Amino acid sequence: MAKKDKTIEVTVNDIERNNQPIQQVFIGKQLIGEILPDQEKFKATMLTNQAQFFVHSQEEGLAMILQEYHLHK
């Protein structure tokens, strides 16, 4: 029996903290991670388990956060 697909709302908010741009990743109303610039790369951080990933772009950081979230959900 096939499972029915669920629609999940993913929101990315751009904020500034300490004069540094940050992208906050939300699933529904729950904040699950942040992406911030780190020299020439980006650091994607999961807020649930504090896992950190160093990636080349913000899009790659978003993909890593969503992968990690769904892996441990």
N, C-alpha and C. Protein backbone atom coordinates (compact mmCIF):
# COMPACT_ATOMS: atom_id res chain seq x y z
N MET A 1 0.83 -1.17 0.00
CA MET A 1 0.00 0.00 0.00
C MET A 1 0.89 1.25 0.00
N ALA A 2 0.69 2.14 -0.92
CA ALA A 2 1.51 3.35 -1.04
C ALA A 2 1.08 4.40 -0.03
N LYS A 3 2.07 5.11 0.47
CA LYS A 3 1.78 6.20 1.39
C LYS A 3 1.38 7.43 0.61
N LYS A 4 0.53 8.22 1.19
CA LYS A 4 0.09 9.45 0.58
C LYS A 4 1.14 10.54 0.83
N ASP A 5 1.45 11.32 -0.20
CA ASP A 5 2.42 12.40 -0.06
C ASP A 5 1.88 13.49 0.86
N LYS A 6 2.77 14.01 1.72
CA LYS A 6 2.40 15.11 2.61
C LYS A 6 3.00 16.39 2.06
N THR A 7 2.29 17.48 2.20
CA THR A 7 2.79 18.79 1.84
C THR A 7 3.45 19.39 3.07
N ILE A 8 4.70 19.79 2.91
CA ILE A 8 5.45 20.38 4.02
C ILE A 8 5.84 21.79 3.64
N GLU A 9 5.55 22.74 4.51
CA GLU A 9 5.86 24.14 4.26
C GLU A 9 7.27 24.45 4.76
N VAL A 10 8.17 24.81 3.84
CA VAL A 10 9.54 25.20 4.18
C VAL A 10 9.67 26.69 3.91
N THR A 11 10.13 27.43 4.91
CA THR A 11 10.30 28.88 4.80
C THR A 11 11.73 29.24 5.12
N VAL A 12 12.31 30.17 4.34
CA VAL A 12 13.65 30.67 4.60
C VAL A 12 13.54 32.17 4.85
N ASN A 13 13.96 32.60 6.03
CA ASN A 13 13.93 34.02 6.39
C ASN A 13 15.35 34.56 6.43
N ASP A 14 15.56 35.72 5.80
CA ASP A 14 16.85 36.40 5.84
C ASP A 14 16.83 37.40 6.99
N ILE A 15 17.78 37.26 7.91
CA ILE A 15 17.91 38.20 9.02
C ILE A 15 19.36 38.67 9.08
N GLU A 16 19.61 39.60 9.98
CA GLU A 16 20.97 40.06 10.21
C GLU A 16 21.25 40.00 11.70
N ARG A 17 22.36 39.36 12.07
CA ARG A 17 22.77 39.25 13.47
C ARG A 17 24.24 39.65 13.56
N ASN A 18 24.55 40.60 14.39
CA ASN A 18 25.92 41.10 14.54
C ASN A 18 26.51 41.54 13.21
N ASN A 19 25.71 42.26 12.42
CA ASN A 19 26.11 42.76 11.10
C ASN A 19 26.50 41.64 10.14
N GLN A 20 25.94 40.45 10.32
CA GLN A 20 26.22 39.31 9.45
C GLN A 20 24.88 38.75 8.94
N PRO A 21 24.74 38.57 7.61
CA PRO A 21 23.48 38.03 7.09
C PRO A 21 23.36 36.54 7.42
N ILE A 22 22.17 36.15 7.83
CA ILE A 22 21.89 34.75 8.21
C ILE A 22 20.57 34.35 7.58
N GLN A 23 20.52 33.11 7.10
CA GLN A 23 19.26 32.54 6.61
C GLN A 23 18.77 31.55 7.66
N GLN A 24 17.55 31.74 8.11
CA GLN A 24 16.93 30.81 9.05
C GLN A 24 15.97 29.92 8.27
N VAL A 25 16.05 28.60 8.53
CA VAL A 25 15.23 27.63 7.82
C VAL A 25 14.15 27.11 8.77
N PHE A 26 12.89 27.27 8.36
CA PHE A 26 11.75 26.83 9.16
C PHE A 26 10.99 25.73 8.43
N ILE A 27 10.50 24.76 9.18
CA ILE A 27 9.51 23.81 8.66
C ILE A 27 8.27 24.08 9.49
N GLY A 28 7.25 24.58 8.81
CA GLY A 28 6.07 25.08 9.51
C GLY A 28 6.49 26.29 10.31
N LYS A 29 6.30 26.25 11.62
CA LYS A 29 6.72 27.35 12.50
C LYS A 29 7.95 27.00 13.31
N GLN A 30 8.52 25.81 13.06
CA GLN A 30 9.66 25.33 13.83
C GLN A 30 10.98 25.70 13.13
N LEU A 31 11.85 26.40 13.83
CA LEU A 31 13.18 26.74 13.32
C LEU A 31 14.06 25.50 13.41
N ILE A 32 14.58 25.02 12.26
CA ILE A 32 15.38 23.80 12.28
C ILE A 32 16.85 24.03 12.00
N GLY A 33 17.21 25.18 11.39
CA GLY A 33 18.61 25.40 11.09
C GLY A 33 18.90 26.80 10.62
N GLU A 34 20.21 27.10 10.51
CA GLU A 34 20.65 28.41 10.05
C GLU A 34 21.82 28.23 9.08
N ILE A 35 21.90 29.15 8.12
CA ILE A 35 23.00 29.16 7.16
C ILE A 35 23.66 30.53 7.26
N LEU A 36 24.98 30.54 7.50
CA LEU A 36 25.67 31.80 7.60
C LEU A 36 26.99 31.75 6.84
N PRO A 37 27.42 32.90 6.30
CA PRO A 37 28.69 32.93 5.57
C PRO A 37 29.87 32.66 6.49
N ASP A 38 30.87 31.93 6.00
CA ASP A 38 32.08 31.64 6.75
C ASP A 38 33.25 31.76 5.78
N GLN A 39 33.84 32.93 5.73
CA GLN A 39 34.89 33.29 4.77
C GLN A 39 34.37 33.09 3.36
N GLU A 40 34.90 32.15 2.58
CA GLU A 40 34.47 31.96 1.19
C GLU A 40 33.42 30.86 1.05
N LYS A 41 33.07 30.21 2.15
CA LYS A 41 32.08 29.13 2.13
C LYS A 41 30.90 29.54 3.00
N PHE A 42 30.04 28.57 3.26
CA PHE A 42 28.89 28.79 4.14
C PHE A 42 28.85 27.69 5.18
N LYS A 43 28.35 28.03 6.37
CA LYS A 43 28.20 27.06 7.44
C LYS A 43 26.72 26.84 7.69
N ALA A 44 26.27 25.61 7.51
CA ALA A 44 24.88 25.25 7.77
C ALA A 44 24.85 24.53 9.12
N THR A 45 24.01 25.01 10.03
CA THR A 45 23.94 24.46 11.38
C THR A 45 22.54 23.98 11.68
N MET A 46 22.43 22.73 12.12
CA MET A 46 21.16 22.19 12.60
C MET A 46 20.98 22.63 14.05
N LEU A 47 19.82 23.12 14.41
CA LEU A 47 19.61 23.60 15.77
C LEU A 47 19.23 22.48 16.73
N THR A 48 18.73 21.36 16.21
CA THR A 48 18.30 20.27 17.09
C THR A 48 19.48 19.52 17.69
N ASN A 49 20.50 19.21 16.87
CA ASN A 49 21.63 18.42 17.37
C ASN A 49 22.97 19.15 17.20
N GLN A 50 22.93 20.42 16.81
CA GLN A 50 24.11 21.26 16.64
C GLN A 50 25.11 20.71 15.61
N ALA A 51 24.64 19.88 14.67
CA ALA A 51 25.49 19.40 13.58
C ALA A 51 25.82 20.56 12.66
N GLN A 52 27.07 20.62 12.20
CA GLN A 52 27.49 21.70 11.32
C GLN A 52 28.05 21.12 10.03
N PHE A 53 27.73 21.79 8.92
CA PHE A 53 28.20 21.38 7.60
C PHE A 53 28.80 22.59 6.91
N PHE A 54 29.96 22.42 6.29
CA PHE A 54 30.57 23.49 5.52
C PHE A 54 30.31 23.20 4.05
N VAL A 55 29.66 24.15 3.37
CA VAL A 55 29.22 23.95 1.99
C VAL A 55 29.67 25.14 1.13
N HIS A 56 29.54 25.00 -0.19
CA HIS A 56 30.00 26.02 -1.12
C HIS A 56 28.96 27.09 -1.43
N SER A 57 27.67 26.81 -1.20
CA SER A 57 26.63 27.78 -1.53
C SER A 57 25.49 27.70 -0.51
N GLN A 58 24.66 28.75 -0.50
CA GLN A 58 23.51 28.76 0.40
C GLN A 58 22.51 27.68 0.02
N GLU A 59 22.35 27.43 -1.28
CA GLU A 59 21.42 26.40 -1.74
C GLU A 59 21.86 25.02 -1.26
N GLU A 60 23.17 24.76 -1.30
CA GLU A 60 23.70 23.49 -0.82
C GLU A 60 23.49 23.36 0.69
N GLY A 61 23.63 24.47 1.41
CA GLY A 61 23.39 24.47 2.85
C GLY A 61 21.94 24.17 3.18
N LEU A 62 21.02 24.75 2.40
CA LEU A 62 19.60 24.48 2.59
C LEU A 62 19.30 23.00 2.35
N ALA A 63 19.87 22.44 1.30
CA ALA A 63 19.66 21.02 0.99
C ALA A 63 20.20 20.13 2.11
N MET A 64 21.36 20.47 2.67
CA MET A 64 21.95 19.66 3.75
C MET A 64 21.07 19.71 5.01
N ILE A 65 20.56 20.89 5.33
CA ILE A 65 19.70 21.02 6.52
C ILE A 65 18.43 20.20 6.34
N LEU A 66 17.81 20.28 5.17
CA LEU A 66 16.58 19.52 4.93
C LEU A 66 16.85 18.02 4.92
N GLN A 67 17.97 17.59 4.34
CA GLN A 67 18.34 16.17 4.35
C GLN A 67 18.51 15.67 5.78
N GLU A 68 19.27 16.41 6.57
CA GLU A 68 19.55 16.01 7.95
C GLU A 68 18.26 15.98 8.76
N TYR A 69 17.38 16.93 8.56
CA TYR A 69 16.11 16.99 9.28
C TYR A 69 15.26 15.76 8.96
N HIS A 70 15.15 15.43 7.68
CA HIS A 70 14.31 14.30 7.29
C HIS A 70 14.95 12.96 7.65
N LEU A 71 16.27 12.91 7.72
CA LEU A 71 16.95 11.69 8.10
C LEU A 71 16.67 11.32 9.55
N HIS A 72 16.60 12.33 10.42
CA HIS A 72 16.41 12.07 11.84
C HIS A 72 14.99 12.30 12.32
N LYS A 73 14.09 12.58 11.43
CA LYS A 73 12.67 12.82 11.78
C LYS A 73 11.97 11.51 11.94
